[in-house]
Amino acid sequence: MSRRVTRLEDLARIAGVSLATASRALNDSAVVNTHTKRHIWKLAREHNYPFRRHMPAGPIGAEATIAIVIPRPQGRIERLSDPFILELIAGVGNAALERGCDFLVSHVAPSNHEDLSALMTTNRADGVIFLGQSSLFADFNRLAEQETRFVVWGAQFPDQRYCSIGSDNVRGGRRATAHLARLGRKRISFLGDLEAPEVVQRHQGYIEALEEAGLPFDSDLVVPAHFEIESAEAAVDAMIARGVRFDGLVAASDMIALGAIRALLHAGRRVPEDVSVVGYDDVKMARFSNPALTTISQDTAKAGRLLVSKLLSSGGDEPIRSERVPTDLIVRETCGG
């Protein structure tokens, strides 16, 4: 027996508004206030009202429309031009194409639970992929209590109630550091933004590898730097100016590694003869840098496929399992071996 279709009249009655108000809200009319729109859109989803016909988020005929959202990390604006973000978006886009889905990149940058909740109740896509989670772990957990139409690219935590796809950051950080230790490096620095959960895990792997190699941990060798070439360059300049000795450097991203190399070369330090450097991400420019960058690769194509498939499987009663994509050490010229 077929399920009764919810009509516009039914939706207006459930929402307690007039037929005209319900219609205007579904068409995102400016004459209806945001609170009422959110309420009606939420009811439309709960009662399976096919309101995407009234609020197209993409060309007609797509199997679904996916929204890509980049949360704002610690009050900063994430750079859409970041090479790794672009490669991850390409991975999602290619996977969406294979599934017959459209995708859009939103300008909205949520920074708290209220932002996340508002985004989920007002966006017109069938689901949302968040690229990164910044410090929003607790907020995503709260969101998962009421909403299932989202997946997150990023670290996995204990007691996590939502689906995340990401790399094994601890293993990646450990492999990068262990490689430098095998090359005989004794003073290995770690460069990255320890406010980012993924970087915290890479730093954990760094510490574990030092212990396994019998090398002492020195807090002077752990230097904060954002995911930008300029920030990393300034951080390494300052470390050199302070007289901190180091012969190896593990960077939390390729952009950080490239900035570090610029600072080292400007200071007359040779790479890899004086300082060996390992990055993280294996963005395309890493293989074309001079010298070519040794790095930890993340499979963005597989990440895109997992993010899309998990999202299209969401919405049911059963939780969707989180997964990690493999990492690999790609040895190039900045390590000399």
C-alpha atoms as a PDB file:
ATOM      1  CA  MET A   1       0.000   0.000   0.000  1.00  0.00           C
ATOM      2  CA  SER A   2       1.525   3.351  -1.042  1.00  0.00           C
ATOM      3  CA  ARG A   3       2.259   6.022   1.540  1.00  0.00           C
ATOM      4  CA  ARG A   4      -0.047   9.050   1.464  1.00  0.00           C
ATOM      5  CA  VAL A   5       1.637  12.039  -0.138  1.00  0.00           C
ATOM      6  CA  THR A   6       1.825  15.186   1.975  1.00  0.00           C
ATOM      7  CA  ARG A   7       0.134  18.050   0.149  1.00  0.00           C
ATOM      8  CA  LEU A   8       0.841  21.765   0.486  1.00  0.00           C
ATOM      9  CA  GLU A   9      -2.483  22.118   2.304  1.00  0.00           C
ATOM     10  CA  ASP A  10      -1.426  19.443   4.806  1.00  0.00           C
ATOM     11  CA  LEU A  11       1.909  21.130   5.421  1.00  0.00           C
ATOM     12  CA  ALA A  12       0.266  24.525   6.015  1.00  0.00           C
ATOM     13  CA  ARG A  13      -2.150  22.953   8.502  1.00  0.00           C
ATOM     14  CA  ILE A  14       0.657  21.156  10.391  1.00  0.00           C
ATOM     15  CA  ALA A  15       2.708  24.356  10.523  1.00  0.00           C
ATOM     16  CA  GLY A  16      -0.267  26.427  11.626  1.00  0.00           C
ATOM     17  CA  VAL A  17       0.110  28.961   8.811  1.00  0.00           C
ATOM     18  CA  SER A  18      -1.895  29.982   5.794  1.00  0.00           C
ATOM     19  CA  LEU A  19      -1.532  28.232   2.457  1.00  0.00           C
ATOM     20  CA  ALA A  20       0.022  31.386   1.001  1.00  0.00           C
ATOM     21  CA  THR A  21       2.613  31.630   3.808  1.00  0.00           C
ATOM     22  CA  ALA A  22       3.574  27.983   3.393  1.00  0.00           C
ATOM     23  CA  SER A  23       4.012  28.454  -0.342  1.00  0.00           C
ATOM     24  CA  ARG A  24       6.073  31.617   0.069  1.00  0.00           C
ATOM     25  CA  ALA A  25       8.284  29.971   2.707  1.00  0.00           C
ATOM     26  CA  LEU A  26       8.992  27.024   0.421  1.00  0.00           C
ATOM     27  CA  ASN A  27       9.937  29.444  -2.333  1.00  0.00           C
ATOM     28  CA  ASP A  28      12.312  31.308   0.024  1.00  0.00           C
ATOM     29  CA  SER A  29      10.314  34.507  -0.257  1.00  0.00           C
ATOM     30  CA  ALA A  30      11.720  37.550   1.537  1.00  0.00           C
ATOM     31  CA  VAL A  31       8.269  38.395   2.924  1.00  0.00           C
ATOM     32  CA  VAL A  32       8.419  35.380   5.281  1.00  0.00           C
ATOM     33  CA  ASN A  33      10.748  35.717   8.267  1.00  0.00           C
ATOM     34  CA  THR A  34      13.654  33.329   8.700  1.00  0.00           C
ATOM     35  CA  HIS A  35      12.253  31.648  11.808  1.00  0.00           C
ATOM     36  CA  THR A  36       9.046  30.684  10.004  1.00  0.00           C
ATOM     37  CA  LYS A  37      10.967  29.453   6.958  1.00  0.00           C
ATOM     38  CA  ARG A  38      13.154  27.214   9.094  1.00  0.00           C
ATOM     39  CA  HIS A  39      10.102  25.806  10.852  1.00  0.00           C
ATOM     40  CA  ILE A  40       8.254  25.036   7.616  1.00  0.00           C
ATOM     41  CA  TRP A  41      11.307  23.586   5.866  1.00  0.00           C
ATOM     42  CA  LYS A  42      11.951  21.323   8.862  1.00  0.00           C
ATOM     43  CA  LEU A  43       8.339  20.100   8.813  1.00  0.00           C
ATOM     44  CA  ALA A  44       8.529  19.581   5.055  1.00  0.00           C
ATOM     45  CA  ARG A  45      11.493  17.262   5.495  1.00  0.00           C
ATOM     46  CA  GLU A  46       9.932  15.403   8.419  1.00  0.00           C
ATOM     47  CA  HIS A  47       6.727  14.771   6.459  1.00  0.00           C
ATOM     48  CA  ASN A  48       8.510  13.974   3.181  1.00  0.00           C
ATOM     49  CA  TYR A  49       6.985  16.898   1.363  1.00  0.00           C
ATOM     50  CA  PRO A  50       8.829  17.143  -2.001  1.00  0.00           C
ATOM     51  CA  PHE A  51       9.711  20.801  -1.630  1.00  0.00           C
ATOM     52  CA  ARG A  52      12.860  20.643  -3.750  1.00  0.00           C
ATOM     53  CA  ARG A  53      10.533  21.071  -6.715  1.00  0.00           C
ATOM     54  CA  HIS A  54       9.724  24.499  -5.337  1.00  0.00           C
ATOM     55  CA  MET A  55      13.259  25.327  -4.195  1.00  0.00           C
ATOM     56  CA  PRO A  56      15.698  23.991  -6.801  1.00  0.00           C
ATOM     57  CA  ALA A  57      19.286  23.919  -5.580  1.00  0.00           C
ATOM     58  CA  GLY A  58      20.674  22.848  -8.930  1.00  0.00           C
ATOM     59  CA  PRO A  59      19.703  21.835 -12.444  1.00  0.00           C
ATOM     60  CA  ILE A  60      16.570  19.736 -12.705  1.00  0.00           C
ATOM     61  CA  GLY A  61      17.180  16.021 -13.206  1.00  0.00           C
ATOM     62  CA  ALA A  62      20.031  15.399 -10.727  1.00  0.00           C
ATOM     63  CA  GLU A  63      19.635  12.456  -8.369  1.00  0.00           C
ATOM     64  CA  ALA A  64      20.476  14.719  -5.426  1.00  0.00           C
ATOM     65  CA  THR A  65      22.205  17.970  -4.578  1.00  0.00           C
ATOM     66  CA  ILE A  66      25.098  18.019  -2.099  1.00  0.00           C
ATOM     67  CA  ALA A  67      26.262  21.148  -0.293  1.00  0.00           C
ATOM     68  CA  ILE A  68      29.935  21.517   0.677  1.00  0.00           C
ATOM     69  CA  VAL A  69      30.519  23.696   3.737  1.00  0.00           C
ATOM     70  CA  ILE A  70      33.847  24.743   5.267  1.00  0.00           C
ATOM     71  CA  PRO A  71      33.548  25.590   9.001  1.00  0.00           C
ATOM     72  CA  ARG A  72      35.437  28.600  10.280  1.00  0.00           C
ATOM     73  CA  PRO A  73      38.483  27.394  12.280  1.00  0.00           C
ATOM     74  CA  GLN A  74      38.965  29.229  15.561  1.00  0.00           C
ATOM     75  CA  GLY A  75      37.529  32.490  14.248  1.00  0.00           C
ATOM     76  CA  ARG A  76      39.751  32.472  11.139  1.00  0.00           C
ATOM     77  CA  ILE A  77      38.466  32.196   7.564  1.00  0.00           C
ATOM     78  CA  GLU A  78      39.494  28.959   5.869  1.00  0.00           C
ATOM     79  CA  ARG A  79      41.065  29.619   2.482  1.00  0.00           C
ATOM     80  CA  LEU A  80      39.081  28.065  -0.357  1.00  0.00           C
ATOM     81  CA  SER A  81      42.241  28.470  -2.428  1.00  0.00           C
ATOM     82  CA  ASP A  82      44.166  26.079  -0.158  1.00  0.00           C
ATOM     83  CA  PRO A  83      45.469  23.365  -2.522  1.00  0.00           C
ATOM     84  CA  PHE A  84      44.411  20.475  -0.272  1.00  0.00           C
ATOM     85  CA  ILE A  85      40.885  21.874   0.123  1.00  0.00           C
ATOM     86  CA  LEU A  86      40.640  22.241  -3.660  1.00  0.00           C
ATOM     87  CA  GLU A  87      41.801  18.660  -4.223  1.00  0.00           C
ATOM     88  CA  LEU A  88      39.312  17.398  -1.644  1.00  0.00           C
ATOM     89  CA  ILE A  89      36.494  19.360  -3.330  1.00  0.00           C
ATOM     90  CA  ALA A  90      37.568  17.813  -6.650  1.00  0.00           C
ATOM     91  CA  GLY A  91      37.358  14.364  -5.050  1.00  0.00           C
ATOM     92  CA  VAL A  92      33.820  15.081  -3.853  1.00  0.00           C
ATOM     93  CA  GLY A  93      32.861  16.562  -7.228  1.00  0.00           C
ATOM     94  CA  ASN A  94      34.096  13.553  -9.182  1.00  0.00           C
ATOM     95  CA  ALA A  95      32.306  11.169  -6.812  1.00  0.00           C
ATOM     96  CA  ALA A  96      29.099  13.219  -7.088  1.00  0.00           C
ATOM     97  CA  LEU A  97      29.340  13.062 -10.883  1.00  0.00           C
ATOM     98  CA  GLU A  98      29.636   9.267 -10.747  1.00  0.00           C
ATOM     99  CA  ARG A  99      26.453   9.128  -8.641  1.00  0.00           C
ATOM    100  CA  GLY A 100      24.507  11.574 -10.836  1.00  0.00           C
ATOM    101  CA  CYS A 101      24.491  14.283  -8.172  1.00  0.00           C
ATOM    102  CA  ASP A 102      25.027  18.031  -8.330  1.00  0.00           C
ATOM    103  CA  PHE A 103      27.167  19.754  -5.725  1.00  0.00           C
ATOM    104  CA  LEU A 104      27.578  23.329  -4.598  1.00  0.00           C
ATOM    105  CA  VAL A 105      30.120  25.069  -2.392  1.00  0.00           C
ATOM    106  CA  SER A 106      28.469  27.265   0.234  1.00  0.00           C
ATOM    107  CA  HIS A 107      29.861  30.611   1.381  1.00  0.00           C
ATOM    108  CA  VAL A 108      28.432  29.978   4.882  1.00  0.00           C
ATOM    109  CA  ALA A 109      31.172  29.338   7.491  1.00  0.00           C
ATOM    110  CA  PRO A 110      29.561  28.007  10.702  1.00  0.00           C
ATOM    111  CA  SER A 111      31.470  28.497  13.938  1.00  0.00           C
ATOM    112  CA  ASN A 112      29.065  27.151  16.615  1.00  0.00           C
ATOM    113  CA  HIS A 113      26.046  24.884  17.140  1.00  0.00           C
ATOM    114  CA  GLU A 114      23.537  27.612  16.370  1.00  0.00           C
ATOM    115  CA  ASP A 115      25.221  28.216  13.013  1.00  0.00           C
ATOM    116  CA  LEU A 116      25.230  24.498  12.225  1.00  0.00           C
ATOM    117  CA  SER A 117      21.577  24.065  13.180  1.00  0.00           C
ATOM    118  CA  ALA A 118      20.502  27.081  11.147  1.00  0.00           C
ATOM    119  CA  LEU A 119      22.457  25.865   8.146  1.00  0.00           C
ATOM    120  CA  MET A 120      20.866  22.415   8.236  1.00  0.00           C
ATOM    121  CA  THR A 121      17.323  23.773   8.540  1.00  0.00           C
ATOM    122  CA  THR A 122      17.644  26.434   5.857  1.00  0.00           C
ATOM    123  CA  ASN A 123      19.781  24.873   3.133  1.00  0.00           C
ATOM    124  CA  ARG A 124      18.030  23.420   0.107  1.00  0.00           C
ATOM    125  CA  ALA A 125      20.420  20.560  -0.594  1.00  0.00           C
ATOM    126  CA  ASP A 126      19.715  16.917   0.180  1.00  0.00           C
ATOM    127  CA  GLY A 127      22.714  16.721   2.486  1.00  0.00           C
ATOM    128  CA  VAL A 128      25.855  18.525   3.624  1.00  0.00           C
ATOM    129  CA  ILE A 129      29.536  17.578   3.594  1.00  0.00           C
ATOM    130  CA  PHE A 130      31.559  19.605   6.095  1.00  0.00           C
ATOM    131  CA  LEU A 131      35.218  19.896   5.091  1.00  0.00           C
ATOM    132  CA  GLY A 132      36.873  20.108   8.501  1.00  0.00           C
ATOM    133  CA  GLN A 133      35.436  20.431  11.960  1.00  0.00           C
ATOM    134  CA  SER A 134      37.727  22.923  13.672  1.00  0.00           C
ATOM    135  CA  SER A 135      36.700  22.963  17.363  1.00  0.00           C
ATOM    136  CA  LEU A 136      33.091  21.948  16.598  1.00  0.00           C
ATOM    137  CA  PHE A 137      33.216  18.328  17.799  1.00  0.00           C
ATOM    138  CA  ALA A 138      30.735  18.897  20.651  1.00  0.00           C
ATOM    139  CA  ASP A 139      28.522  20.996  18.360  1.00  0.00           C
ATOM    140  CA  PHE A 140      28.448  18.272  15.693  1.00  0.00           C
ATOM    141  CA  ASN A 141      27.553  15.739  18.394  1.00  0.00           C
ATOM    142  CA  ARG A 142      24.598  17.934  19.426  1.00  0.00           C
ATOM    143  CA  LEU A 143      23.578  18.353  15.794  1.00  0.00           C
ATOM    144  CA  ALA A 144      23.594  14.570  15.314  1.00  0.00           C
ATOM    145  CA  GLU A 145      20.887  14.234  17.972  1.00  0.00           C
ATOM    146  CA  GLN A 146      18.386  15.858  15.600  1.00  0.00           C
ATOM    147  CA  GLU A 147      19.944  15.694  12.133  1.00  0.00           C
ATOM    148  CA  THR A 148      21.512  12.885  10.110  1.00  0.00           C
ATOM    149  CA  ARG A 149      21.939  14.470   6.675  1.00  0.00           C
ATOM    150  CA  PHE A 150      25.613  15.344   7.069  1.00  0.00           C
ATOM    151  CA  VAL A 151      29.090  13.853   7.121  1.00  0.00           C
ATOM    152  CA  VAL A 152      32.373  15.451   8.176  1.00  0.00           C
ATOM    153  CA  TRP A 153      35.900  15.337   6.786  1.00  0.00           C
ATOM    154  CA  GLY A 154      38.224  15.288   9.768  1.00  0.00           C
ATOM    155  CA  ALA A 155      39.543  13.526  12.823  1.00  0.00           C
ATOM    156  CA  GLN A 156      37.628  10.834  14.672  1.00  0.00           C
ATOM    157  CA  PHE A 157      37.108  11.131  18.438  1.00  0.00           C
ATOM    158  CA  PRO A 158      35.914   8.837  21.233  1.00  0.00           C
ATOM    159  CA  ASP A 159      32.142   9.128  21.899  1.00  0.00           C
ATOM    160  CA  GLN A 160      31.578  10.600  18.425  1.00  0.00           C
ATOM    161  CA  ARG A 161      27.922  10.385  17.342  1.00  0.00           C
ATOM    162  CA  TYR A 162      28.302  11.472  13.712  1.00  0.00           C
ATOM    163  CA  CYS A 163      30.071  10.033  10.680  1.00  0.00           C
ATOM    164  CA  SER A 164      33.519  11.370   9.820  1.00  0.00           C
ATOM    165  CA  ILE A 165      35.946  10.463   7.069  1.00  0.00           C
ATOM    166  CA  GLY A 166      39.607  11.316   7.466  1.00  0.00           C
ATOM    167  CA  SER A 167      43.121   9.957   7.383  1.00  0.00           C
ATOM    168  CA  ASP A 168      44.953   8.144  10.173  1.00  0.00           C
ATOM    169  CA  ASN A 169      46.638  11.290  11.454  1.00  0.00           C
ATOM    170  CA  VAL A 170      48.497   9.614  14.309  1.00  0.00           C
ATOM    171  CA  ARG A 171      50.020   7.038  11.976  1.00  0.00           C
ATOM    172  CA  GLY A 172      50.884   9.724   9.440  1.00  0.00           C
ATOM    173  CA  GLY A 173      52.687  11.862  12.010  1.00  0.00           C
ATOM    174  CA  ARG A 174      54.484   8.811  13.355  1.00  0.00           C
ATOM    175  CA  ARG A 175      55.676   7.689   9.882  1.00  0.00           C
ATOM    176  CA  ALA A 176      56.956  11.163   8.980  1.00  0.00           C
ATOM    177  CA  THR A 177      58.957  11.466  12.212  1.00  0.00           C
ATOM    178  CA  ALA A 178      60.235   7.889  12.150  1.00  0.00           C
ATOM    179  CA  HIS A 179      61.557   8.423   8.622  1.00  0.00           C
ATOM    180  CA  LEU A 180      63.641  11.398   9.755  1.00  0.00           C
ATOM    181  CA  ALA A 181      64.886   9.450  12.768  1.00  0.00           C
ATOM    182  CA  ARG A 182      65.987   6.581  10.488  1.00  0.00           C
ATOM    183  CA  LEU A 183      67.987   9.115   8.475  1.00  0.00           C
ATOM    184  CA  GLY A 184      69.903   9.958  11.644  1.00  0.00           C
ATOM    185  CA  ARG A 185      68.202  13.245  12.479  1.00  0.00           C
ATOM    186  CA  LYS A 186      68.417  13.930  16.224  1.00  0.00           C
ATOM    187  CA  ARG A 187      66.716  17.333  16.655  1.00  0.00           C
ATOM    188  CA  ILE A 188      63.371  17.009  14.872  1.00  0.00           C
ATOM    189  CA  SER A 189      60.969  19.953  15.001  1.00  0.00           C
ATOM    190  CA  PHE A 190      57.166  19.822  14.624  1.00  0.00           C
ATOM    191  CA  LEU A 191      55.435  22.748  12.921  1.00  0.00           C
ATOM    192  CA  GLY A 192      51.650  23.154  12.942  1.00  0.00           C
ATOM    193  CA  ASP A 193      48.494  24.668  14.433  1.00  0.00           C
ATOM    194  CA  LEU A 194      47.783  22.660  17.593  1.00  0.00           C
ATOM    195  CA  GLU A 195      44.298  24.150  17.848  1.00  0.00           C
ATOM    196  CA  ALA A 196      43.266  21.948  14.908  1.00  0.00           C
ATOM    197  CA  PRO A 197      42.243  18.422  16.027  1.00  0.00           C
ATOM    198  CA  GLU A 198      43.892  16.767  13.028  1.00  0.00           C
ATOM    199  CA  VAL A 199      47.190  18.489  13.827  1.00  0.00           C
ATOM    200  CA  VAL A 200      46.919  17.416  17.469  1.00  0.00           C
ATOM    201  CA  GLN A 201      46.747  13.807  16.284  1.00  0.00           C
ATOM    202  CA  ARG A 202      49.720  14.262  13.913  1.00  0.00           C
ATOM    203  CA  HIS A 203      51.644  15.762  16.830  1.00  0.00           C
ATOM    204  CA  GLN A 204      50.739  12.718  18.929  1.00  0.00           C
ATOM    205  CA  GLY A 205      52.279  10.494  16.239  1.00  0.00           C
ATOM    206  CA  TYR A 206      55.371  12.721  16.286  1.00  0.00           C
ATOM    207  CA  ILE A 207      55.781  12.210  20.037  1.00  0.00           C
ATOM    208  CA  GLU A 208      55.289   8.439  19.728  1.00  0.00           C
ATOM    209  CA  ALA A 209      57.943   8.196  17.003  1.00  0.00           C
ATOM    210  CA  LEU A 210      60.449  10.171  19.086  1.00  0.00           C
ATOM    211  CA  GLU A 211      59.920   7.761  21.986  1.00  0.00           C
ATOM    212  CA  GLU A 212      60.305   4.727  19.715  1.00  0.00           C
ATOM    213  CA  ALA A 213      63.551   6.158  18.321  1.00  0.00           C
ATOM    214  CA  GLY A 214      64.889   6.993  21.792  1.00  0.00           C
ATOM    215  CA  LEU A 215      64.976  10.713  21.037  1.00  0.00           C
ATOM    216  CA  PRO A 216      64.107  13.233  23.781  1.00  0.00           C
ATOM    217  CA  PHE A 217      61.059  15.474  23.448  1.00  0.00           C
ATOM    218  CA  ASP A 218      61.931  19.195  23.488  1.00  0.00           C
ATOM    219  CA  SER A 219      59.050  21.678  23.683  1.00  0.00           C
ATOM    220  CA  ASP A 220      61.254  24.326  22.015  1.00  0.00           C
ATOM    221  CA  LEU A 221      61.046  22.229  18.845  1.00  0.00           C
ATOM    222  CA  VAL A 222      57.229  22.361  18.699  1.00  0.00           C
ATOM    223  CA  VAL A 223      56.282  25.589  16.935  1.00  0.00           C
ATOM    224  CA  PRO A 224      52.738  26.815  16.098  1.00  0.00           C
ATOM    225  CA  ALA A 225      51.953  27.767  12.495  1.00  0.00           C
ATOM    226  CA  HIS A 226      48.716  28.124  10.540  1.00  0.00           C
ATOM    227  CA  PHE A 227      48.103  26.312   7.253  1.00  0.00           C
ATOM    228  CA  GLU A 228      49.727  29.093   5.221  1.00  0.00           C
ATOM    229  CA  ILE A 229      53.141  29.499   3.628  1.00  0.00           C
ATOM    230  CA  GLU A 230      53.624  32.962   5.161  1.00  0.00           C
ATOM    231  CA  SER A 231      52.767  31.799   8.676  1.00  0.00           C
ATOM    232  CA  ALA A 232      55.193  28.876   8.471  1.00  0.00           C
ATOM    233  CA  GLU A 233      57.949  31.033   7.021  1.00  0.00           C
ATOM    234  CA  ALA A 234      57.600  33.522   9.871  1.00  0.00           C
ATOM    235  CA  ALA A 235      57.558  30.728  12.470  1.00  0.00           C
ATOM    236  CA  VAL A 236      60.785  29.194  11.183  1.00  0.00           C
ATOM    237  CA  ASP A 237      62.426  32.627  10.887  1.00  0.00           C
ATOM    238  CA  ALA A 238      61.627  33.209  14.554  1.00  0.00           C
ATOM    239  CA  MET A 239      62.929  29.784  15.567  1.00  0.00           C
ATOM    240  CA  ILE A 240      66.222  30.397  13.774  1.00  0.00           C
ATOM    241  CA  ALA A 241      66.490  33.877  15.319  1.00  0.00           C
ATOM    242  CA  ARG A 242      66.066  32.335  18.797  1.00  0.00           C
ATOM    243  CA  GLY A 243      68.983  30.023  18.130  1.00  0.00           C
ATOM    244  CA  VAL A 244      66.928  26.817  18.306  1.00  0.00           C
ATOM    245  CA  ARG A 245      68.964  23.947  16.856  1.00  0.00           C
ATOM    246  CA  PHE A 246      67.177  21.429  14.599  1.00  0.00           C
ATOM    247  CA  ASP A 247      68.172  19.108  11.758  1.00  0.00           C
ATOM    248  CA  GLY A 248      64.737  17.715  10.834  1.00  0.00           C
ATOM    249  CA  LEU A 249      61.271  19.186  10.486  1.00  0.00           C
ATOM    250  CA  VAL A 250      57.827  17.544  10.389  1.00  0.00           C
ATOM    251  CA  ALA A 251      55.204  19.927   9.000  1.00  0.00           C
ATOM    252  CA  ALA A 252      51.472  19.438   9.609  1.00  0.00           C
ATOM    253  CA  SER A 253      50.720  20.296   5.954  1.00  0.00           C
ATOM    254  CA  ASP A 254      52.524  20.737   2.662  1.00  0.00           C
ATOM    255  CA  MET A 255      51.871  24.488   2.711  1.00  0.00           C
ATOM    256  CA  ILE A 256      53.565  24.701   6.106  1.00  0.00           C
ATOM    257  CA  ALA A 257      56.478  22.608   4.802  1.00  0.00           C
ATOM    258  CA  LEU A 258      56.954  24.843   1.751  1.00  0.00           C
ATOM    259  CA  GLY A 259      56.936  27.958   3.946  1.00  0.00           C
ATOM    260  CA  ALA A 260      59.491  26.345   6.247  1.00  0.00           C
ATOM    261  CA  ILE A 261      61.754  25.514   3.290  1.00  0.00           C
ATOM    262  CA  ARG A 262      61.605  29.153   2.090  1.00  0.00           C
ATOM    263  CA  ALA A 263      62.735  30.347   5.516  1.00  0.00           C
ATOM    264  CA  LEU A 264      65.522  27.768   5.699  1.00  0.00           C
ATOM    265  CA  LEU A 265      66.887  28.669   2.262  1.00  0.00           C
ATOM    266  CA  HIS A 266      66.755  32.406   3.051  1.00  0.00           C
ATOM    267  CA  ALA A 267      68.743  31.691   6.222  1.00  0.00           C
ATOM    268  CA  GLY A 268      71.406  29.827   4.240  1.00  0.00           C
ATOM    269  CA  ARG A 269      70.335  26.381   5.487  1.00  0.00           C
ATOM    270  CA  ARG A 270      70.523  23.611   2.893  1.00  0.00           C
ATOM    271  CA  VAL A 271      67.606  21.204   2.391  1.00  0.00           C
ATOM    272  CA  PRO A 272      68.112  18.305   2.923  1.00  0.00           C
ATOM    273  CA  GLU A 273      71.834  18.505   3.798  1.00  0.00           C
ATOM    274  CA  ASP A 274      71.348  20.701   6.905  1.00  0.00           C
ATOM    275  CA  VAL A 275      67.636  20.149   7.587  1.00  0.00           C
ATOM    276  CA  SER A 276      65.407  17.362   6.249  1.00  0.00           C
ATOM    277  CA  VAL A 277      61.726  18.262   5.804  1.00  0.00           C
ATOM    278  CA  VAL A 278      58.539  16.156   5.587  1.00  0.00           C
ATOM    279  CA  GLY A 279      55.112  17.631   4.777  1.00  0.00           C
ATOM    280  CA  TYR A 280      51.595  16.239   4.981  1.00  0.00           C
ATOM    281  CA  ASP A 281      48.874  15.988   2.253  1.00  0.00           C
ATOM    282  CA  ASP A 282      50.865  15.378  -0.978  1.00  0.00           C
ATOM    283  CA  VAL A 283      49.201  18.190  -2.891  1.00  0.00           C
ATOM    284  CA  LYS A 284      50.194  18.371  -6.544  1.00  0.00           C
ATOM    285  CA  MET A 285      52.615  21.271  -6.101  1.00  0.00           C
ATOM    286  CA  ALA A 286      54.609  19.194  -3.560  1.00  0.00           C
ATOM    287  CA  ARG A 287      56.145  17.118  -6.355  1.00  0.00           C
ATOM    288  CA  PHE A 288      57.071  20.243  -8.358  1.00  0.00           C
ATOM    289  CA  SER A 289      58.711  22.227  -5.573  1.00  0.00           C
ATOM    290  CA  ASN A 290      62.490  22.681  -5.600  1.00  0.00           C
ATOM    291  CA  PRO A 291      63.619  20.513  -3.935  1.00  0.00           C
ATOM    292  CA  ALA A 292      60.630  18.158  -4.387  1.00  0.00           C
ATOM    293  CA  LEU A 293      58.823  17.658  -1.072  1.00  0.00           C
ATOM    294  CA  THR A 294      58.794  14.407   0.879  1.00  0.00           C
ATOM    295  CA  THR A 295      55.315  14.117   2.352  1.00  0.00           C
ATOM    296  CA  ILE A 296      52.527  11.979   3.790  1.00  0.00           C
ATOM    297  CA  SER A 297      49.847  11.415   1.147  1.00  0.00           C
ATOM    298  CA  GLN A 298      46.089  11.430   1.737  1.00  0.00           C
ATOM    299  CA  ASP A 299      43.892   9.774  -0.906  1.00  0.00           C
ATOM    300  CA  THR A 300      41.507  12.632  -1.773  1.00  0.00           C
ATOM    301  CA  ALA A 301      39.812  10.627  -4.548  1.00  0.00           C
ATOM    302  CA  LYS A 302      38.899   7.841  -2.117  1.00  0.00           C
ATOM    303  CA  ALA A 303      37.963  10.426   0.513  1.00  0.00           C
ATOM    304  CA  GLY A 304      35.527  12.036  -1.946  1.00  0.00           C
ATOM    305  CA  ARG A 305      33.923   8.693  -2.787  1.00  0.00           C
ATOM    306  CA  LEU A 306      33.509   7.815   0.889  1.00  0.00           C
ATOM    307  CA  LEU A 307      32.078  11.222   1.810  1.00  0.00           C
ATOM    308  CA  VAL A 308      29.488  11.079  -0.980  1.00  0.00           C
ATOM    309  CA  SER A 309      28.503   7.445  -0.438  1.00  0.00           C
ATOM    310  CA  LYS A 310      28.156   7.909   3.327  1.00  0.00           C
ATOM    311  CA  LEU A 311      26.064  11.042   2.831  1.00  0.00           C
ATOM    312  CA  LEU A 312      23.722   9.378   0.351  1.00  0.00           C
ATOM    313  CA  SER A 313      23.306   6.491   2.824  1.00  0.00           C
ATOM    314  CA  SER A 314      22.434   8.814   5.714  1.00  0.00           C
ATOM    315  CA  GLY A 315      18.956   9.691   6.883  1.00  0.00           C
ATOM    316  CA  GLY A 316      17.975   6.300   8.248  1.00  0.00           C
ATOM    317  CA  ASP A 317      17.733   5.008  11.799  1.00  0.00           C
ATOM    318  CA  GLU A 318      21.087   3.217  11.795  1.00  0.00           C
ATOM    319  CA  PRO A 319      24.251   5.276  12.407  1.00  0.00           C
ATOM    320  CA  ILE A 320      26.717   5.477   9.525  1.00  0.00           C
ATOM    321  CA  ARG A 321      30.176   4.115  10.358  1.00  0.00           C
ATOM    322  CA  SER A 322      33.159   6.458  10.252  1.00  0.00           C
ATOM    323  CA  GLU A 323      36.180   5.418   8.171  1.00  0.00           C
ATOM    324  CA  ARG A 324      39.845   6.342   7.758  1.00  0.00           C
ATOM    325  CA  VAL A 325      41.554   6.656   4.381  1.00  0.00           C
ATOM    326  CA  PRO A 326      45.095   5.246   4.117  1.00  0.00           C
ATOM    327  CA  THR A 327      48.214   7.385   4.373  1.00  0.00           C
ATOM    328  CA  ASP A 328      51.540   6.704   2.677  1.00  0.00           C
ATOM    329  CA  LEU A 329      55.035   8.134   2.967  1.00  0.00           C
ATOM    330  CA  ILE A 330      56.110   9.635  -0.376  1.00  0.00           C
ATOM    331  CA  VAL A 331      59.903  10.061  -0.326  1.00  0.00           C
ATOM    332  CA  ARG A 332      61.316  12.833  -2.502  1.00  0.00           C
ATOM    333  CA  GLU A 333      64.275  15.220  -2.369  1.00  0.00           C
ATOM    334  CA  THR A 334      63.734  17.145   0.891  1.00  0.00           C
ATOM    335  CA  CYS A 335      64.859  14.182   2.982  1.00  0.00           C
ATOM    336  CA  GLY A 336      67.904  13.015   1.047  1.00  0.00           C
ATOM    337  CA  GLY A 337      66.974   9.378   1.395  1.00  0.00           C
END
